[in-house]
Amino acid sequence: MVDSTSPRRAALWLVLLAAAGTFALTMGARQTMGLFLSPLNTATGLGLASISLAFAFGQLWWGITQPFAGAVADKIGTGRVLVAGAVLVALGTFITPYMTSTLGLIVAIGVLSAGGAGMAGPAVLMGAAARLVPASKRGLATGIVNAGGSTGQFLMAPLAATLIVGIGWMQALQVMALLVLLCLPAAWVLKGNSQQAAPGAAKAVGTREAVRTALGHSGYLLLAVGFFVCGFHVAFLATHLPGVVAACGLATQWAGWALAVLGLFNIVGSIAMGWAVSRWRMKSLLSLLYAARGLAILAFLLAPKTGPVVLVFAAVMGLTFLSTVPPTAGLVAKFFGPANMATLFGVVMLTHQIGGFLGAWLGGTVFQATGSYDWVWYIDIVLAAGAALVHLPIPEAPLAPKMATA
């Protein structure tokens, strides 16, 4: 157990704030990119579908990097991985305004920025938090770290919108890039690897054995299926919510505030879910979250498209936006322990981002083909219903074999 004395509590909170702050800056930079989609389209003339492809590739690459970044962090330490990630996010974001081709945008947005954000993303950050807290506190810890990403979105979305209006979209992107570098000191706070797991935790096994055991666990596979759906929802909203607002005939400021409200209520949802996972079955909470998403989308489709309606919709979706992370991460830790948490949660995040690729890409492709986002919303509702059902059979119990006892 973590010592309850004040110095130890202060050290624990420093770790959580460092992880949450890092996630705030990397996620905040990524989640505001939807505001730059239209200016990029106007400046390059590439078309919405081509630019959406770059954004979609970024969703996929963000996921692909996480299990590998998690494995490296588990072995050589979190701090080095975070430094490399932050620098890549800043570099990719800074050079984006100079990219005039689809390939250039894929490199800047999809490889450098997204890959860096994956290295300084939830798998590595959740793994760092999980190894430093007792099992009874992991849910709240992951909720706090997850809320950091939401806080970044809440603060950086209106800032980005204001900068676009005040100094232009190109300079606004470069300011966002420099802000990401503020997370570099957190790398020193979060240094360490899986050998420094919380006292009493299971001894770490090899990465290959850990992944092989996880892929043979039915609950882990069902979590991955559900997280695929989460990725579709999140990426579509993050990339195309400004476009949805514009399609409703509303001003750009509504888009910035909609993203901010999404982030604000995501803070509430993340912390509330971090509290809830120690009190209710995590698989039931996940089913409830996905069902709520589907109902919220259906209500939005039927409602008049006014500014207040958009903000209410953003608030409801924000409550469920990334609040799926604490119970998902909690189940991974419950099944396999914290030692290989960064790697195993990174694999689940990969399935999340495969869904994210489809959500970001289909959003632009469907809108360009039909002039509406309606068909993407219909797909969203069906996927939400499926995700609500797929979590019910998850066997929510600790894993007994050697990964839990070795």
Protein backbone atom coordinates (compact mmCIF):
# COMPACT_ATOMS: atom_id res chain seq x y z
CA MET A 1 0.00 0.00 0.00
CA VAL A 2 1.08 3.59 -0.60
CA ASP A 3 2.25 5.24 2.61
CA SER A 4 -0.35 7.61 4.02
CA THR A 5 2.10 10.20 5.36
CA SER A 6 1.98 13.70 3.91
CA PRO A 7 5.26 13.50 1.92
CA ARG A 8 4.16 10.29 0.25
CA ARG A 9 0.71 11.70 -0.50
CA ALA A 10 2.31 14.83 -1.96
CA ALA A 11 4.58 12.69 -4.15
CA LEU A 12 1.59 10.68 -5.36
CA TRP A 13 -0.36 13.81 -6.26
CA LEU A 14 2.69 15.20 -8.06
CA VAL A 15 2.80 12.06 -10.21
CA LEU A 16 -0.92 12.26 -11.01
CA LEU A 17 -0.73 15.96 -11.82
CA ALA A 18 2.31 15.40 -14.05
CA ALA A 19 0.51 12.65 -15.95
CA ALA A 20 -2.72 14.63 -16.17
CA GLY A 21 -0.88 17.77 -17.28
CA THR A 22 0.99 15.91 -20.00
CA PHE A 23 -2.24 14.41 -21.27
CA ALA A 24 -3.86 17.85 -21.15
CA LEU A 25 -1.29 19.33 -23.49
CA THR A 26 -0.98 16.44 -25.95
CA MET A 27 -4.70 15.68 -26.07
CA GLY A 28 -5.62 19.36 -26.10
CA ALA A 29 -3.42 19.94 -29.15
CA ARG A 30 -4.88 16.91 -30.96
CA GLN A 31 -8.52 17.58 -30.09
CA THR A 32 -8.41 21.14 -31.42
CA MET A 33 -7.19 20.06 -34.86
CA GLY A 34 -10.76 19.83 -36.15
CA LEU A 35 -10.88 23.64 -35.99
CA PHE A 36 -8.11 23.78 -38.59
CA LEU A 37 -9.70 21.36 -41.05
CA SER A 38 -11.67 24.00 -42.96
CA PRO A 39 -8.74 26.51 -43.15
CA LEU A 40 -6.47 23.72 -44.36
CA ASN A 41 -9.01 22.80 -47.02
CA THR A 42 -9.30 26.41 -48.16
CA ALA A 43 -5.53 26.95 -48.22
CA THR A 44 -4.57 23.71 -49.96
CA GLY A 45 -7.64 23.02 -52.11
CA LEU A 46 -7.13 19.30 -51.50
CA GLY A 47 -10.76 18.57 -50.66
CA LEU A 48 -12.37 17.47 -47.41
CA ALA A 49 -11.96 13.76 -48.13
CA SER A 50 -8.19 14.05 -48.71
CA ILE A 51 -7.60 16.13 -45.59
CA SER A 52 -9.83 13.80 -43.57
CA LEU A 53 -7.58 10.96 -44.72
CA ALA A 54 -4.61 12.67 -43.05
CA PHE A 55 -6.62 13.14 -39.87
CA ALA A 56 -7.81 9.53 -40.05
CA PHE A 57 -4.29 8.23 -40.52
CA GLY A 58 -3.36 10.22 -37.43
CA GLN A 59 -6.06 8.42 -35.46
CA LEU A 60 -4.70 5.06 -36.61
CA TRP A 61 -1.04 5.94 -36.05
CA TRP A 62 -1.80 7.31 -32.58
CA GLY A 63 -3.14 3.86 -31.76
CA ILE A 64 -0.36 1.89 -33.45
CA THR A 65 2.35 3.72 -31.53
CA GLN A 66 0.82 3.12 -28.10
CA PRO A 67 1.48 -0.60 -27.53
CA PHE A 68 5.07 -0.14 -28.75
CA ALA A 69 5.56 3.02 -26.70
CA GLY A 70 4.05 1.19 -23.74
CA ALA A 71 6.43 -1.74 -24.17
CA VAL A 72 9.43 0.62 -24.36
CA ALA A 73 8.22 2.55 -21.30
CA ASP A 74 7.73 -0.72 -19.39
CA LYS A 75 11.36 -1.66 -20.13
CA ILE A 76 13.49 1.51 -20.26
CA GLY A 77 11.29 4.01 -18.47
CA THR A 78 8.43 6.43 -19.02
CA GLY A 79 10.43 9.67 -18.94
CA ARG A 80 12.43 9.12 -22.12
CA VAL A 81 9.36 8.06 -24.06
CA LEU A 82 7.47 11.17 -22.96
CA VAL A 83 10.28 13.53 -24.00
CA ALA A 84 10.43 12.02 -27.49
CA GLY A 85 6.64 12.13 -27.77
CA ALA A 86 6.28 15.77 -26.76
CA VAL A 87 8.99 16.89 -29.19
CA LEU A 88 7.34 15.01 -32.07
CA VAL A 89 3.91 16.49 -31.31
CA ALA A 90 5.37 19.99 -31.31
CA LEU A 91 7.34 19.41 -34.51
CA GLY A 92 4.43 17.92 -36.45
CA THR A 93 2.02 20.63 -35.35
CA PHE A 94 4.51 23.42 -36.10
CA ILE A 95 5.20 22.33 -39.70
CA THR A 96 1.57 21.52 -40.61
CA PRO A 97 0.89 24.99 -42.14
CA TYR A 98 3.71 24.38 -44.65
CA MET A 99 2.24 21.13 -45.97
CA THR A 100 0.41 21.57 -49.29
CA SER A 101 -0.15 17.95 -50.31
CA THR A 102 -2.06 15.02 -48.86
CA LEU A 103 1.21 13.16 -48.26
CA GLY A 104 2.69 16.16 -46.49
CA LEU A 105 -0.32 16.44 -44.21
CA ILE A 106 -0.17 12.71 -43.48
CA VAL A 107 3.49 13.08 -42.44
CA ALA A 108 2.93 16.19 -40.28
CA ILE A 109 -0.47 15.39 -38.73
CA GLY A 110 -0.66 11.64 -39.13
CA VAL A 111 2.91 10.50 -38.40
CA LEU A 112 4.82 13.12 -36.41
CA SER A 113 2.10 14.80 -34.34
CA ALA A 114 -0.13 11.76 -33.85
CA GLY A 115 2.79 9.42 -33.26
CA GLY A 116 4.25 11.75 -30.66
CA ALA A 117 0.89 12.06 -28.96
CA GLY A 118 0.70 8.27 -28.88
CA MET A 119 4.09 8.10 -27.17
CA ALA A 120 2.97 10.72 -24.64
CA GLY A 121 -0.54 9.32 -24.55
CA PRO A 122 -2.87 7.36 -22.27
CA ALA A 123 -1.20 3.95 -22.46
CA VAL A 124 2.14 5.24 -21.15
CA LEU A 125 0.55 7.72 -18.73
CA MET A 126 -1.99 5.23 -17.33
CA GLY A 127 0.79 2.67 -16.95
CA ALA A 128 2.90 5.15 -15.00
CA ALA A 129 -0.02 5.96 -12.70
CA ALA A 130 -1.08 2.33 -12.22
CA ARG A 131 2.32 1.15 -11.03
CA LEU A 132 2.47 3.82 -8.30
CA VAL A 133 -0.91 3.41 -6.61
CA PRO A 134 -2.62 0.54 -4.77
CA ALA A 135 -5.29 -1.45 -6.61
CA SER A 136 -8.10 0.18 -4.63
CA LYS A 137 -7.10 3.63 -5.92
CA ARG A 138 -6.31 2.82 -9.55
CA GLY A 139 -9.79 3.68 -10.79
CA LEU A 140 -9.67 7.18 -9.31
CA ALA A 141 -6.07 7.62 -10.50
CA THR A 142 -6.95 6.74 -14.10
CA GLY A 143 -9.98 9.04 -13.85
CA ILE A 144 -7.76 11.95 -12.78
CA VAL A 145 -5.23 11.30 -15.55
CA ASN A 146 -8.02 10.91 -18.09
CA ALA A 147 -9.60 14.15 -16.90
CA GLY A 148 -6.32 15.85 -17.76
CA GLY A 149 -6.94 15.20 -21.45
CA SER A 150 -10.43 16.67 -21.10
CA THR A 151 -9.07 19.72 -19.30
CA GLY A 152 -6.65 20.29 -22.15
CA GLN A 153 -9.48 20.18 -24.66
CA PHE A 154 -11.62 22.50 -22.55
CA LEU A 155 -8.86 25.10 -22.26
CA MET A 156 -7.18 24.79 -25.65
CA ALA A 157 -10.22 24.61 -27.95
CA PRO A 158 -11.48 28.16 -27.25
CA LEU A 159 -7.87 29.37 -27.16
CA ALA A 160 -7.26 27.90 -30.61
CA ALA A 161 -10.50 29.40 -31.95
CA THR A 162 -9.53 32.81 -30.53
CA LEU A 163 -6.04 32.58 -32.02
CA ILE A 164 -7.43 31.64 -35.44
CA VAL A 165 -9.56 34.79 -35.44
CA GLY A 166 -6.85 37.00 -33.90
CA ILE A 167 -3.59 35.97 -35.59
CA GLY A 168 -4.60 33.55 -38.32
CA TRP A 169 -4.77 29.76 -38.48
CA MET A 170 -1.11 29.21 -39.42
CA GLN A 171 0.29 31.13 -36.48
CA ALA A 172 -2.37 29.63 -34.22
CA LEU A 173 -1.12 26.13 -35.04
CA GLN A 174 2.44 27.12 -34.23
CA VAL A 175 1.45 28.61 -30.88
CA MET A 176 -0.31 25.33 -30.07
CA ALA A 177 2.88 23.46 -30.99
CA LEU A 178 4.98 25.50 -28.57
CA LEU A 179 2.46 25.03 -25.76
CA VAL A 180 2.91 21.26 -25.97
CA LEU A 181 6.56 21.62 -24.91
CA LEU A 182 5.39 22.80 -21.48
CA CYS A 183 4.89 19.14 -20.56
CA LEU A 184 8.62 18.30 -20.79
CA PRO A 185 9.34 18.69 -17.03
CA ALA A 186 6.71 16.04 -16.32
CA ALA A 187 8.98 13.44 -17.92
CA TRP A 188 11.35 13.66 -14.96
CA VAL A 189 8.49 13.20 -12.47
CA LEU A 190 7.14 10.16 -14.33
CA LYS A 191 10.45 8.40 -14.92
CA GLY A 192 10.56 4.70 -14.04
CA ASN A 193 9.55 1.36 -15.54
CA SER A 194 7.48 -1.74 -14.81
CA GLN A 195 10.06 -3.07 -12.36
CA GLN A 196 8.93 -0.28 -10.04
CA ALA A 197 5.30 -1.42 -9.84
CA ALA A 198 3.35 -0.78 -6.67
CA PRO A 199 4.47 -2.87 -3.70
CA GLY A 200 2.70 -6.18 -3.62
CA ALA A 201 2.02 -6.13 -7.35
CA ALA A 202 2.64 -9.11 -9.57
CA LYS A 203 6.15 -9.62 -10.87
CA ALA A 204 6.50 -8.48 -14.47
CA VAL A 205 6.59 -11.10 -17.20
CA GLY A 206 7.96 -10.65 -20.71
CA THR A 207 6.07 -8.43 -23.13
CA ARG A 208 5.45 -11.23 -25.60
CA GLU A 209 4.07 -13.55 -22.93
CA ALA A 210 1.91 -10.77 -21.50
CA VAL A 211 0.35 -9.99 -24.88
CA ARG A 212 -0.13 -13.68 -25.72
CA THR A 213 -1.92 -14.31 -22.42
CA ALA A 214 -4.11 -11.23 -22.88
CA LEU A 215 -5.15 -12.21 -26.39
CA GLY A 216 -6.34 -15.54 -25.02
CA HIS A 217 -8.60 -13.85 -22.47
CA SER A 218 -12.20 -13.42 -23.66
CA GLY A 219 -12.88 -10.35 -21.52
CA TYR A 220 -9.84 -8.58 -22.94
CA LEU A 221 -10.99 -9.26 -26.51
CA LEU A 222 -14.51 -7.99 -25.78
CA LEU A 223 -13.02 -4.83 -24.24
CA ALA A 224 -11.08 -4.30 -27.47
CA VAL A 225 -14.26 -4.65 -29.54
CA GLY A 226 -16.04 -2.08 -27.37
CA PHE A 227 -13.11 0.30 -27.49
CA PHE A 228 -13.17 0.12 -31.30
CA VAL A 229 -16.65 1.64 -31.13
CA CYS A 230 -15.48 4.27 -28.65
CA GLY A 231 -12.72 5.26 -31.07
CA PHE A 232 -15.21 5.68 -33.92
CA HIS A 233 -17.37 8.02 -31.80
CA VAL A 234 -14.53 10.06 -30.35
CA ALA A 235 -12.60 10.57 -33.59
CA PHE A 236 -15.69 11.53 -35.55
CA LEU A 237 -16.65 14.16 -32.98
CA ALA A 238 -13.11 15.47 -32.47
CA THR A 239 -12.53 15.84 -36.22
CA HIS A 240 -15.95 16.77 -37.56
CA LEU A 241 -17.90 18.48 -34.76
CA PRO A 242 -16.83 21.89 -36.14
CA GLY A 243 -18.11 20.73 -39.53
CA VAL A 244 -21.37 19.55 -37.96
CA VAL A 245 -21.77 22.97 -36.35
CA ALA A 246 -21.08 24.70 -39.67
CA ALA A 247 -23.60 22.42 -41.42
CA CYS A 248 -26.17 23.64 -38.88
CA GLY A 249 -25.55 27.19 -40.15
CA LEU A 250 -23.87 28.36 -36.94
CA ALA A 251 -20.81 30.61 -36.52
CA THR A 252 -17.27 29.30 -35.91
CA GLN A 253 -17.37 30.43 -32.28
CA TRP A 254 -20.09 27.86 -31.59
CA ALA A 255 -17.71 25.16 -32.83
CA GLY A 256 -14.96 26.31 -30.47
CA TRP A 257 -17.35 26.42 -27.53
CA ALA A 258 -18.86 23.05 -28.47
CA LEU A 259 -15.39 21.47 -28.31
CA ALA A 260 -14.74 23.28 -25.03
CA VAL A 261 -18.03 22.06 -23.51
CA LEU A 262 -17.22 18.56 -24.73
CA GLY A 263 -13.92 18.77 -22.86
CA LEU A 264 -15.41 20.38 -19.74
CA PHE A 265 -18.06 17.70 -19.27
CA ASN A 266 -15.50 15.06 -20.11
CA ILE A 267 -13.64 16.18 -16.98
CA VAL A 268 -16.79 15.57 -14.94
CA GLY A 269 -17.44 12.24 -16.63
CA SER A 270 -13.86 11.02 -16.25
CA ILE A 271 -13.58 11.83 -12.54
CA ALA A 272 -17.07 10.52 -11.81
CA MET A 273 -16.28 7.28 -13.62
CA GLY A 274 -12.96 6.98 -11.80
CA TRP A 275 -14.95 7.15 -8.55
CA ALA A 276 -17.64 4.76 -9.80
CA VAL A 277 -15.38 1.91 -10.92
CA SER A 278 -14.57 0.99 -7.32
CA ARG A 279 -18.27 0.79 -6.48
CA TRP A 280 -20.02 -0.86 -9.44
CA ARG A 281 -19.20 -3.52 -11.99
CA MET A 282 -17.02 -1.94 -14.64
CA LYS A 283 -18.56 -3.88 -17.51
CA SER A 284 -22.03 -2.62 -16.52
CA LEU A 285 -20.78 0.96 -16.41
CA LEU A 286 -19.37 0.55 -19.93
CA SER A 287 -22.66 -0.82 -21.25
CA LEU A 288 -24.49 2.13 -19.71
CA LEU A 289 -22.09 4.65 -21.26
CA TYR A 290 -22.47 3.28 -24.79
CA ALA A 291 -26.25 3.08 -24.50
CA ALA A 292 -26.32 6.72 -23.34
CA ARG A 293 -24.26 7.77 -26.38
CA GLY A 294 -26.67 6.14 -28.80
CA LEU A 295 -29.70 7.77 -27.17
CA ALA A 296 -27.98 11.18 -27.13
CA ILE A 297 -27.19 10.99 -30.86
CA LEU A 298 -30.76 9.98 -31.66
CA ALA A 299 -32.11 12.92 -29.64
CA PHE A 300 -29.71 15.32 -31.41
CA LEU A 301 -30.85 14.15 -34.84
CA LEU A 302 -34.48 14.83 -33.90
CA ALA A 303 -33.84 18.21 -32.22
CA PRO A 304 -33.69 21.66 -33.89
CA LYS A 305 -30.11 22.61 -34.72
CA THR A 306 -29.56 25.75 -32.65
CA GLY A 307 -26.49 26.90 -30.76
CA PRO A 308 -27.84 25.95 -27.30
CA VAL A 309 -28.92 22.53 -28.60
CA VAL A 310 -25.40 21.93 -29.93
CA LEU A 311 -23.90 22.86 -26.55
CA VAL A 312 -26.31 20.58 -24.67
CA PHE A 313 -25.47 17.75 -27.06
CA ALA A 314 -21.74 18.42 -26.58
CA ALA A 315 -22.24 18.35 -22.80
CA VAL A 316 -24.04 15.00 -22.86
CA MET A 317 -21.48 13.47 -25.22
CA GLY A 318 -18.72 14.94 -23.07
CA LEU A 319 -19.98 13.01 -20.05
CA THR A 320 -19.50 9.78 -22.00
CA PHE A 321 -16.64 10.89 -24.27
CA LEU A 322 -13.54 9.44 -22.57
CA SER A 323 -15.22 8.22 -19.39
CA THR A 324 -14.91 4.79 -21.00
CA VAL A 325 -11.17 4.89 -20.21
CA PRO A 326 -11.21 4.36 -16.39
CA PRO A 327 -13.37 1.20 -16.48
CA THR A 328 -11.54 -0.14 -19.54
CA ALA A 329 -8.12 0.51 -18.02
CA GLY A 330 -9.45 -0.76 -14.69
CA LEU A 331 -10.50 -4.07 -16.19
CA VAL A 332 -7.14 -4.50 -17.93
CA ALA A 333 -5.34 -3.90 -14.62
CA LYS A 334 -7.80 -6.15 -12.80
CA PHE A 335 -7.24 -9.00 -15.23
CA PHE A 336 -3.46 -8.75 -15.55
CA GLY A 337 -2.06 -6.46 -12.83
CA PRO A 338 -0.08 -3.20 -13.32
CA ALA A 339 3.31 -4.60 -14.40
CA ASN A 340 2.57 -4.70 -18.16
CA MET A 341 -0.25 -2.18 -18.01
CA ALA A 342 1.26 0.27 -20.53
CA THR A 343 1.72 -2.48 -23.11
CA LEU A 344 -1.64 -4.20 -22.67
CA PHE A 345 -3.68 -1.01 -22.48
CA GLY A 346 -1.72 0.18 -25.52
CA VAL A 347 -2.97 -2.84 -27.49
CA VAL A 348 -6.56 -2.02 -26.53
CA MET A 349 -5.92 1.61 -27.53
CA LEU A 350 -4.84 0.36 -30.94
CA THR A 351 -8.30 -1.11 -31.54
CA HIS A 352 -9.75 2.19 -30.30
CA GLN A 353 -7.78 4.05 -32.94
CA ILE A 354 -8.68 1.65 -35.74
CA GLY A 355 -12.22 2.72 -34.98
CA GLY A 356 -10.95 6.29 -34.83
CA PHE A 357 -9.48 5.99 -38.32
CA LEU A 358 -12.86 4.95 -39.68
CA GLY A 359 -14.73 7.66 -37.77
CA ALA A 360 -12.47 10.47 -38.98
CA TRP A 361 -12.23 9.21 -42.56
CA LEU A 362 -15.88 8.28 -43.04
CA GLY A 363 -16.99 11.63 -41.65
CA GLY A 364 -15.29 13.56 -44.43
CA THR A 365 -15.99 10.99 -47.14
CA VAL A 366 -19.71 10.71 -46.36
CA PHE A 367 -20.15 14.48 -46.11
CA GLN A 368 -18.37 15.07 -49.41
CA ALA A 369 -20.53 12.41 -51.10
CA THR A 370 -23.91 13.34 -49.59
CA GLY A 371 -23.57 16.89 -48.26
CA SER A 372 -24.66 15.65 -44.83
CA TYR A 373 -23.30 13.80 -41.80
CA ASP A 374 -26.58 11.91 -41.24
CA TRP A 375 -25.37 8.49 -42.38
CA VAL A 376 -22.38 8.68 -40.04
CA TRP A 377 -24.76 9.42 -37.17
CA TYR A 378 -26.86 6.38 -38.13
CA ILE A 379 -23.76 4.19 -38.08
CA ASP A 380 -22.85 5.73 -34.71
CA ILE A 381 -26.19 4.72 -33.19
CA VAL A 382 -25.92 1.12 -34.40
CA LEU A 383 -22.35 0.81 -33.12
CA ALA A 384 -23.33 2.27 -29.74
CA ALA A 385 -26.09 -0.31 -29.35
CA GLY A 386 -23.67 -3.11 -30.27
CA ALA A 387 -21.05 -1.86 -27.80
CA ALA A 388 -23.64 -1.68 -25.01
CA LEU A 389 -24.41 -5.37 -25.57
CA VAL A 390 -20.87 -6.69 -26.14
CA HIS A 391 -19.65 -5.75 -22.65
CA LEU A 392 -22.32 -7.76 -20.82
CA PRO A 393 -20.61 -11.20 -21.21
CA ILE A 394 -17.22 -9.96 -19.93
CA PRO A 395 -16.12 -12.20 -17.03
CA GLU A 396 -15.26 -9.50 -14.52
CA ALA A 397 -12.93 -11.40 -12.19
CA PRO A 398 -9.16 -11.37 -11.58
CA LEU A 399 -7.09 -13.64 -13.79
CA ALA A 400 -5.83 -16.62 -11.82
CA PRO A 401 -2.89 -18.02 -13.89
CA LYS A 402 0.74 -16.94 -13.78
CA MET A 403 0.35 -13.34 -14.95
CA ALA A 404 -1.46 -12.64 -11.70
CA THR A 405 0.72 -14.83 -9.52
CA ALA A 406 4.14 -15.16 -11.20
